[in-house]
């Protein structure tokens, strides 16, 4: 038995050589610009960036014991989802994006659903980064305003 398939073999009714090219893509040449190491580093940077922003608050609210427990559970769920994605990639080796996996599983409905979910997630991440940056900038300008007003009040009465 394959060690990655602990629940037995994965069965699918999709042929192993599914062609994901649309009529628009058939006439164009796809140029891949990054290696898997570069993609992995970008994903790690995004996950660490988001995690570092929320980790201090999570530990402040949960405490050390519950914070470490939740962090360990998040680690386990991330590792398990990575194993599941690698299993799916073995079943559909020609898939290059998540929408291709949705197409292999559920046809056009799966392709559209996964595409909508993926872009909604990406837009949500952009909004959360924008919100975090704007809150940090507001805190910085408030601090600067207080400091500058103290300087004006102190040295303005000379």
Protein backbone atom coordinates (compact mmCIF):
# COMPACT_ATOMS: atom_id res chain seq x y z
CA UNK A 1 0.00 0.00 0.00
CA UNK A 2 1.23 3.47 -0.83
CA UNK A 3 2.29 5.32 2.37
CA UNK A 4 0.56 8.52 1.24
CA UNK A 5 -2.73 6.73 0.77
CA UNK A 6 -3.42 5.47 4.27
CA UNK A 7 -7.16 5.03 3.61
CA UNK A 8 -6.68 2.96 0.47
CA UNK A 9 -6.36 4.04 -3.12
CA UNK A 10 -8.09 7.17 -4.32
CA UNK A 11 -10.57 6.47 -7.06
CA UNK A 12 -11.74 9.00 -9.58
CA UNK A 13 -13.77 8.88 -12.75
CA UNK A 14 -11.56 11.51 -14.39
CA UNK A 15 -9.07 10.18 -16.92
CA UNK A 16 -5.45 10.58 -15.87
CA UNK A 17 -4.65 12.77 -18.87
CA UNK A 18 -7.21 15.56 -18.56
CA UNK A 19 -6.49 18.48 -20.89
CA UNK A 20 -7.22 21.74 -19.11
CA UNK A 21 -6.54 24.04 -22.05
CA UNK A 22 -9.36 26.21 -23.27
CA UNK A 23 -9.70 27.43 -26.82
CA UNK A 24 -8.08 30.73 -25.83
CA UNK A 25 -5.08 28.97 -24.29
CA UNK A 26 -4.50 26.59 -27.18
CA UNK A 27 -2.94 29.31 -29.32
CA UNK A 28 -0.85 30.89 -26.58
CA UNK A 29 2.44 29.80 -25.11
CA UNK A 30 2.58 29.48 -21.33
CA UNK A 31 5.81 30.75 -19.82
CA UNK A 32 6.49 29.64 -16.28
CA UNK A 33 8.54 32.27 -14.49
CA UNK A 34 9.15 30.83 -11.03
CA UNK A 35 10.50 27.62 -9.63
CA UNK A 36 8.76 25.68 -6.90
CA UNK A 37 11.33 26.94 -4.39
CA UNK A 38 10.45 30.57 -5.21
CA UNK A 39 6.74 29.80 -4.92
CA UNK A 40 7.32 28.03 -1.62
CA UNK A 41 9.25 31.01 -0.26
CA UNK A 42 6.46 33.42 -1.27
CA UNK A 43 3.85 31.25 0.45
CA UNK A 44 5.99 30.95 3.59
CA UNK A 45 6.51 34.73 3.65
CA UNK A 46 2.76 35.35 3.35
CA UNK A 47 1.85 32.85 6.04
CA UNK A 48 4.56 34.09 8.40
CA UNK A 49 3.61 37.70 7.71
CA UNK A 50 -0.02 37.11 8.60
CA UNK A 51 0.89 34.87 11.53
CA UNK A 52 3.35 37.30 13.08
CA UNK A 53 0.79 40.09 12.93
CA UNK A 54 -1.79 38.11 14.88
CA UNK A 55 0.38 35.94 17.10
CA UNK A 56 1.04 38.49 19.85
CA UNK A 57 -2.65 39.31 20.21
CA UNK A 58 -3.59 35.62 20.22
CA UNK A 59 -1.13 34.88 23.01
CA UNK A 60 -2.29 37.94 24.96
CA UNK A 61 -5.89 36.74 24.80
CA UNK A 62 -5.32 32.99 25.20
CA UNK A 63 -2.28 32.85 27.45
CA UNK A 64 0.75 30.59 27.13
CA UNK A 65 -0.89 27.19 27.60
CA UNK A 66 -3.92 27.68 25.34
CA UNK A 67 -1.88 29.73 22.88
CA UNK A 68 0.65 26.93 22.45
CA UNK A 69 -2.16 24.37 22.15
CA UNK A 70 -3.93 26.37 19.44
CA UNK A 71 -0.63 26.94 17.65
CA UNK A 72 0.08 23.19 17.70
CA UNK A 73 -3.43 22.42 16.38
CA UNK A 74 -2.91 24.94 13.57
CA UNK A 75 0.41 23.26 12.76
CA UNK A 76 -1.25 19.83 12.58
CA UNK A 77 -4.11 21.05 10.39
CA UNK A 78 -1.70 22.82 8.03
CA UNK A 79 0.44 19.71 7.70
CA UNK A 80 -2.64 17.54 7.08
CA UNK A 81 -3.99 19.89 4.41
CA UNK A 82 -0.57 19.81 2.73
CA UNK A 83 -0.71 16.01 2.69
CA UNK A 84 -4.20 16.10 1.19
CA UNK A 85 -3.12 18.55 -1.52
CA UNK A 86 -0.14 16.36 -2.41
CA UNK A 87 -2.45 13.33 -2.70
CA UNK A 88 -4.77 15.24 -5.01
CA UNK A 89 -1.82 16.38 -7.10
CA UNK A 90 -0.78 12.74 -7.51
CA UNK A 91 -4.25 11.86 -8.81
CA UNK A 92 -4.32 14.81 -11.24
CA UNK A 93 -0.66 15.45 -12.16
CA UNK A 94 -1.50 17.79 -15.05
CA UNK A 95 -3.22 20.33 -12.74
CA UNK A 96 -1.30 23.59 -12.37
CA UNK A 97 -3.78 25.65 -10.32
CA UNK A 98 -6.45 24.82 -7.76
CA UNK A 99 -9.19 25.47 -10.32
CA UNK A 100 -7.82 22.58 -12.39
CA UNK A 101 -8.35 20.30 -9.41
CA UNK A 102 -11.91 21.61 -9.06
CA UNK A 103 -12.49 20.87 -12.74
CA UNK A 104 -11.15 17.34 -12.34
CA UNK A 105 -13.47 16.73 -9.40
CA UNK A 106 -16.71 18.46 -10.45
CA UNK A 107 -16.32 19.73 -14.01
CA UNK A 108 -17.09 23.34 -14.89
CA UNK A 109 -19.00 23.91 -11.64
CA UNK A 110 -15.93 22.89 -9.64
CA UNK A 111 -13.67 25.08 -11.77
CA UNK A 112 -15.87 28.15 -11.28
CA UNK A 113 -16.42 27.47 -7.56
CA UNK A 114 -12.73 27.06 -6.80
CA UNK A 115 -11.82 30.12 -8.89
CA UNK A 116 -14.38 32.31 -7.09
CA UNK A 117 -13.26 31.03 -3.68
CA UNK A 118 -9.56 31.50 -4.48
CA UNK A 119 -9.93 35.06 -5.75
CA UNK A 120 -12.24 35.97 -2.86
CA UNK A 121 -9.58 34.69 -0.45
CA UNK A 122 -6.81 36.64 -2.21
CA UNK A 123 -8.87 39.85 -2.19
CA UNK A 124 -9.67 39.29 1.51
CA UNK A 125 -5.97 38.94 2.29
CA UNK A 126 -5.29 42.21 0.45
CA UNK A 127 -8.01 43.95 2.46
CA UNK A 128 -6.64 42.59 5.74
CA UNK A 129 -3.12 43.81 4.88
CA UNK A 130 -4.53 47.21 3.90
CA UNK A 131 -6.50 47.43 7.15
CA UNK A 132 -3.47 46.47 9.22
CA UNK A 133 -1.28 49.01 7.42
CA UNK A 134 -3.86 51.78 7.82
CA UNK A 135 -4.29 51.07 11.55
CA UNK A 136 -0.52 51.11 12.04
CA UNK A 137 -0.21 54.36 10.09
CA UNK A 138 -3.03 55.93 12.11
CA UNK A 139 -1.36 54.92 15.38
CA UNK A 140 1.92 56.34 14.12
CA UNK A 141 0.40 59.67 13.04
CA UNK A 142 -1.56 59.97 16.31
CA UNK A 143 1.65 59.49 18.25
CA UNK A 144 3.47 61.98 16.03
CA UNK A 145 0.62 64.50 16.39
CA UNK A 146 0.73 64.29 20.19
CA UNK A 147 4.52 64.64 20.23
CA UNK A 148 4.49 67.59 17.83
CA UNK A 149 1.71 69.35 19.72
CA UNK A 150 3.67 68.95 22.97
CA UNK A 151 6.71 70.49 21.28
CA UNK A 152 4.67 73.43 19.98
CA UNK A 153 3.09 74.01 23.39
CA UNK A 154 6.40 73.78 25.20
CA UNK A 155 8.49 75.92 22.85
CA UNK A 156 5.71 78.16 21.62
CA UNK A 157 5.58 80.11 24.89
CA UNK A 158 9.16 81.33 24.72
